[in-house]
Protein backbone atom coordinates (compact mmCIF):
# COMPACT_ATOMS: atom_id res chain seq x y z
CA MET A 1 -13.02 28.73 -34.93
CA SER A 2 -14.64 30.80 -37.67
CA ASP A 3 -17.49 33.24 -37.33
CA VAL A 4 -20.69 31.98 -38.91
CA GLU A 5 -23.58 34.20 -39.76
CA VAL A 6 -26.88 32.55 -38.98
CA ASN A 7 -29.87 33.75 -40.95
CA VAL A 8 -33.18 32.53 -39.53
CA ASP A 9 -36.28 33.08 -41.63
CA GLU A 10 -39.73 33.17 -40.12
CA GLU A 11 -40.64 30.03 -42.07
CA GLU A 12 -37.87 28.07 -40.34
CA ASP A 13 -39.16 28.71 -36.79
CA ASP A 14 -40.78 25.26 -36.67
CA ALA A 15 -37.56 23.38 -37.48
CA ASP A 16 -36.96 20.34 -35.34
CA MET A 17 -34.40 17.58 -34.72
CA GLY A 18 -35.65 15.74 -37.80
CA ASP A 19 -34.63 18.72 -39.92
CA LEU A 20 -31.22 18.69 -38.30
CA PHE A 21 -30.72 15.01 -39.07
CA ASP A 22 -31.82 15.58 -42.67
CA GLU A 23 -29.27 18.39 -43.06
CA LEU A 24 -26.51 16.30 -41.49
CA GLN A 25 -27.40 13.38 -43.76
CA GLU A 26 -27.10 15.65 -46.81
CA LEU A 27 -23.79 16.94 -45.51
CA GLU A 28 -22.52 13.38 -45.03
CA ASP A 29 -23.46 12.57 -48.63
CA ILE A 30 -21.53 15.49 -50.12
CA VAL A 31 -18.41 15.36 -47.94
CA GLU A 32 -15.63 13.50 -49.74
CA ASP A 33 -13.01 13.24 -47.01
CA GLU A 34 -13.51 10.11 -44.84
CA ASP A 35 -12.34 11.89 -41.68
CA ALA A 36 -14.86 14.67 -42.30
CA ARG A 37 -17.59 12.08 -42.93
CA GLU A 38 -16.77 10.41 -39.65
CA GLN A 39 -17.03 13.77 -37.91
CA VAL A 40 -20.47 14.32 -39.43
CA ARG A 41 -21.56 10.86 -38.23
CA GLU A 42 -20.26 11.65 -34.75
CA THR A 43 -22.21 14.92 -34.81
CA MET A 44 -25.34 12.97 -35.75
CA ARG A 45 -24.76 10.56 -32.85
CA VAL A 46 -24.30 13.41 -30.37
CA ALA A 47 -27.44 15.14 -31.70
CA MET A 48 -29.41 11.91 -31.17
CA LEU A 49 -28.16 11.66 -27.59
CA ALA A 50 -28.97 15.32 -26.94
CA SER A 51 -32.45 14.84 -28.41
CA ALA A 52 -33.13 11.89 -26.12
CA ALA A 53 -31.82 13.75 -23.06
CA ALA A 54 -33.97 16.79 -23.81
CA SER A 55 -37.17 14.76 -23.69
CA PRO A 56 -38.59 12.51 -21.00
CA PHE A 57 -39.42 10.12 -23.81
CA GLY A 58 -36.94 7.91 -25.58
CA ARG A 59 -34.96 6.98 -22.51
CA VAL A 60 -34.01 3.44 -21.73
CA ILE A 61 -35.80 2.24 -18.59
CA ARG A 62 -34.39 -0.63 -16.56
CA GLY A 63 -35.24 -1.97 -13.14
CA PHE A 64 -38.15 -1.05 -10.92
CA ASP A 65 -37.59 0.89 -7.70
CA ARG A 66 -39.78 2.52 -5.04
CA GLY A 67 -40.09 5.67 -7.17
CA ASP A 68 -41.55 3.57 -9.99
CA LEU A 69 -43.85 1.88 -7.48
CA ALA A 70 -45.08 5.27 -6.23
CA GLU A 71 -45.74 6.43 -9.80
CA ALA A 72 -47.65 3.21 -10.54
CA LEU A 73 -49.68 3.60 -7.32
CA LEU A 74 -50.55 7.20 -8.18
CA GLY A 75 -51.57 6.30 -11.74
CA SER A 76 -53.61 3.38 -10.45
CA LEU A 77 -55.51 5.56 -7.99
CA LEU A 78 -55.97 8.34 -10.52
CA PHE A 79 -57.74 5.95 -12.90
CA GLY A 80 -59.34 3.85 -10.13
CA ILE A 81 -61.10 6.37 -7.94
CA PRO A 82 -63.68 7.21 -10.61
CA MET A 83 -64.31 3.46 -10.99
CA ALA A 84 -64.92 3.15 -7.23
CA VAL A 85 -67.49 5.93 -7.07
CA GLU A 86 -69.31 5.18 -10.30
CA GLY A 87 -72.16 2.67 -10.39
CA GLY A 88 -71.23 1.23 -13.77
CA THR A 89 -68.47 -0.80 -12.16
CA GLN A 90 -71.06 -2.71 -10.15
CA GLU A 91 -73.29 -3.20 -13.18
CA VAL A 92 -70.46 -4.72 -15.19
CA GLY A 93 -69.36 -6.80 -12.17
CA THR A 94 -72.90 -8.13 -11.81
CA PHE A 95 -72.84 -9.11 -15.49
CA LEU A 96 -69.44 -10.82 -15.23
CA ALA A 97 -69.94 -12.67 -11.89
CA PRO A 98 -72.03 -15.54 -13.31
CA ARG A 99 -69.86 -15.75 -16.44
CA PRO A 100 -66.40 -17.00 -15.34
CA LEU A 101 -65.21 -17.25 -18.93
CA PHE A 102 -65.88 -13.54 -19.52
CA LEU A 103 -64.43 -12.69 -16.13
CA GLY A 104 -61.22 -14.62 -16.92
CA GLY A 105 -61.15 -13.04 -20.37
CA THR A 106 -61.40 -9.57 -18.84
CA PHE A 107 -58.52 -10.33 -16.51
CA ALA A 108 -56.43 -11.79 -19.36
CA PHE A 109 -57.22 -8.80 -21.55
CA THR A 110 -55.98 -6.50 -18.80
CA VAL A 111 -52.68 -8.40 -18.53
CA VAL A 112 -52.18 -8.29 -22.30
CA LEU A 113 -53.13 -4.61 -22.45
CA SER A 114 -50.59 -3.83 -19.69
CA ILE A 115 -47.90 -5.73 -21.56
CA GLY A 116 -48.77 -3.75 -24.68
CA ILE A 117 -48.54 -0.40 -22.91
CA ILE A 118 -45.28 -1.21 -21.15
CA TYR A 119 -43.32 -3.18 -23.75
CA VAL A 120 -44.99 -2.78 -27.16
CA ALA A 121 -46.37 0.76 -27.47
CA ASP A 122 -42.91 2.34 -27.48
CA ILE A 123 -43.87 5.05 -25.01
CA GLN A 124 -40.45 4.38 -23.51
CA ASP A 125 -37.68 1.90 -24.28
CA VAL A 126 -38.42 -0.50 -21.40
CA ARG A 127 -35.93 -3.29 -20.80
CA VAL A 128 -36.57 -6.41 -18.71
CA HIS A 129 -34.13 -6.34 -15.81
CA ARG A 130 -33.67 -9.35 -13.53
CA PRO A 131 -37.03 -11.07 -14.14
CA ILE A 132 -38.66 -12.92 -11.28
CA LEU A 133 -37.87 -16.65 -11.57
CA GLY A 134 -36.09 -15.74 -14.80
CA ILE A 135 -39.48 -15.37 -16.56
CA PHE A 136 -41.74 -12.65 -15.12
CA PRO A 137 -40.68 -9.01 -15.66
CA ARG A 138 -40.55 -7.17 -12.33
CA ARG A 139 -42.14 -4.03 -13.79
CA LEU A 140 -45.14 -5.96 -15.15
CA VAL A 141 -45.61 -7.97 -11.96
CA ALA A 142 -45.39 -4.83 -9.83
CA ILE A 143 -47.82 -2.85 -11.95
CA LEU A 144 -50.37 -5.66 -12.06
CA SER A 145 -49.95 -6.37 -8.35
CA VAL A 146 -50.32 -2.78 -7.23
CA SER A 147 -53.39 -2.38 -9.49
CA ALA A 148 -55.06 -5.53 -8.20
CA LEU A 149 -54.32 -4.78 -4.57
CA MET A 150 -55.46 -1.16 -4.81
CA SER A 151 -58.59 -2.23 -6.65
CA ALA A 152 -59.53 -4.69 -3.90
CA LEU A 153 -58.59 -2.32 -1.09
CA LEU A 154 -60.30 0.73 -2.53
CA LEU A 155 -63.57 -1.02 -3.37
CA THR A 156 -63.61 -2.79 0.01
CA ALA A 157 -62.72 0.29 2.07
CA TRP A 158 -65.39 2.37 0.36
CA GLY A 159 -68.06 -0.29 0.77
CA ARG A 160 -68.46 -0.91 -2.95
CA VAL A 161 -68.03 -4.69 -2.64
CA ASP A 162 -69.36 -7.19 -0.11
CA TRP A 163 -67.08 -10.18 0.29
CA ALA A 164 -70.05 -12.25 1.56
CA SER A 165 -70.66 -12.72 -2.20
CA PRO A 166 -67.09 -13.49 -3.20
CA MET A 167 -67.71 -14.04 -6.92
CA LEU A 168 -69.55 -10.73 -7.26
CA ALA A 169 -66.88 -8.95 -5.22
CA LEU A 170 -64.12 -10.48 -7.34
CA ALA A 171 -65.91 -9.47 -10.54
CA ASN A 172 -66.17 -5.87 -9.32
CA VAL A 173 -62.50 -5.88 -8.41
CA VAL A 174 -61.57 -7.20 -11.87
CA VAL A 175 -63.66 -4.50 -13.53
CA ALA A 176 -61.88 -1.76 -11.56
CA PHE A 177 -58.57 -3.55 -12.16
CA VAL A 178 -58.78 -2.84 -15.91
CA PRO A 179 -58.41 0.98 -15.83
CA MET A 180 -56.27 0.85 -12.70
CA SER A 181 -53.70 -1.26 -14.56
CA ILE A 182 -53.71 1.18 -17.46
CA GLY A 183 -53.23 4.03 -15.03
CA ALA A 184 -50.44 2.25 -13.21
CA ALA A 185 -48.57 1.48 -16.45
CA LEU A 186 -48.93 5.01 -17.76
CA GLY A 187 -48.16 6.53 -14.38
CA ASP A 188 -44.93 4.58 -14.26
CA LEU A 189 -43.83 5.26 -17.84
CA LEU A 190 -44.95 8.80 -18.61
CA PRO A 191 -42.77 10.62 -16.10
CA GLY A 192 -39.82 9.04 -17.90
CA SER A 193 -38.39 7.27 -14.89
């Protein structure tokens, strides 16, 4: 192996993996020997793997275990507790209760938003693994279920809903369900599980 002198200028302190890939791409373009080109490509592949391993982002996520469930529960509560103690939740619930179309739209919006966070936003590379009934992704079902259950339990336990008026109680639960689902999805994905 040869000794290589590395000269680092102050301007190059902010170099990142993108710069490395650019340099390797330039090297690949000027190398004439096919074996050497293949070695440069292999170096680029290893650098990509090392980059993904160095960051909690960019990993491939499959399955849904109790650790993921705990992260979703924590995220749900983190976003849901302010909804339980704040009076705006009841105001919005009171508005939605006599409007079932808006209530259903709010619920549907939450489901679509959760799908977007988990599968579309590219926060992580999330793969569907063994869907329930071959259709419903376990991660999505779990995140929505834990959010809905915690919303109902939290609002009920803290006396924020009265189930004697079930439509009003349901509307309040749906209102709290919106941010709790966002929190559950982010809580599950951001740690890079």
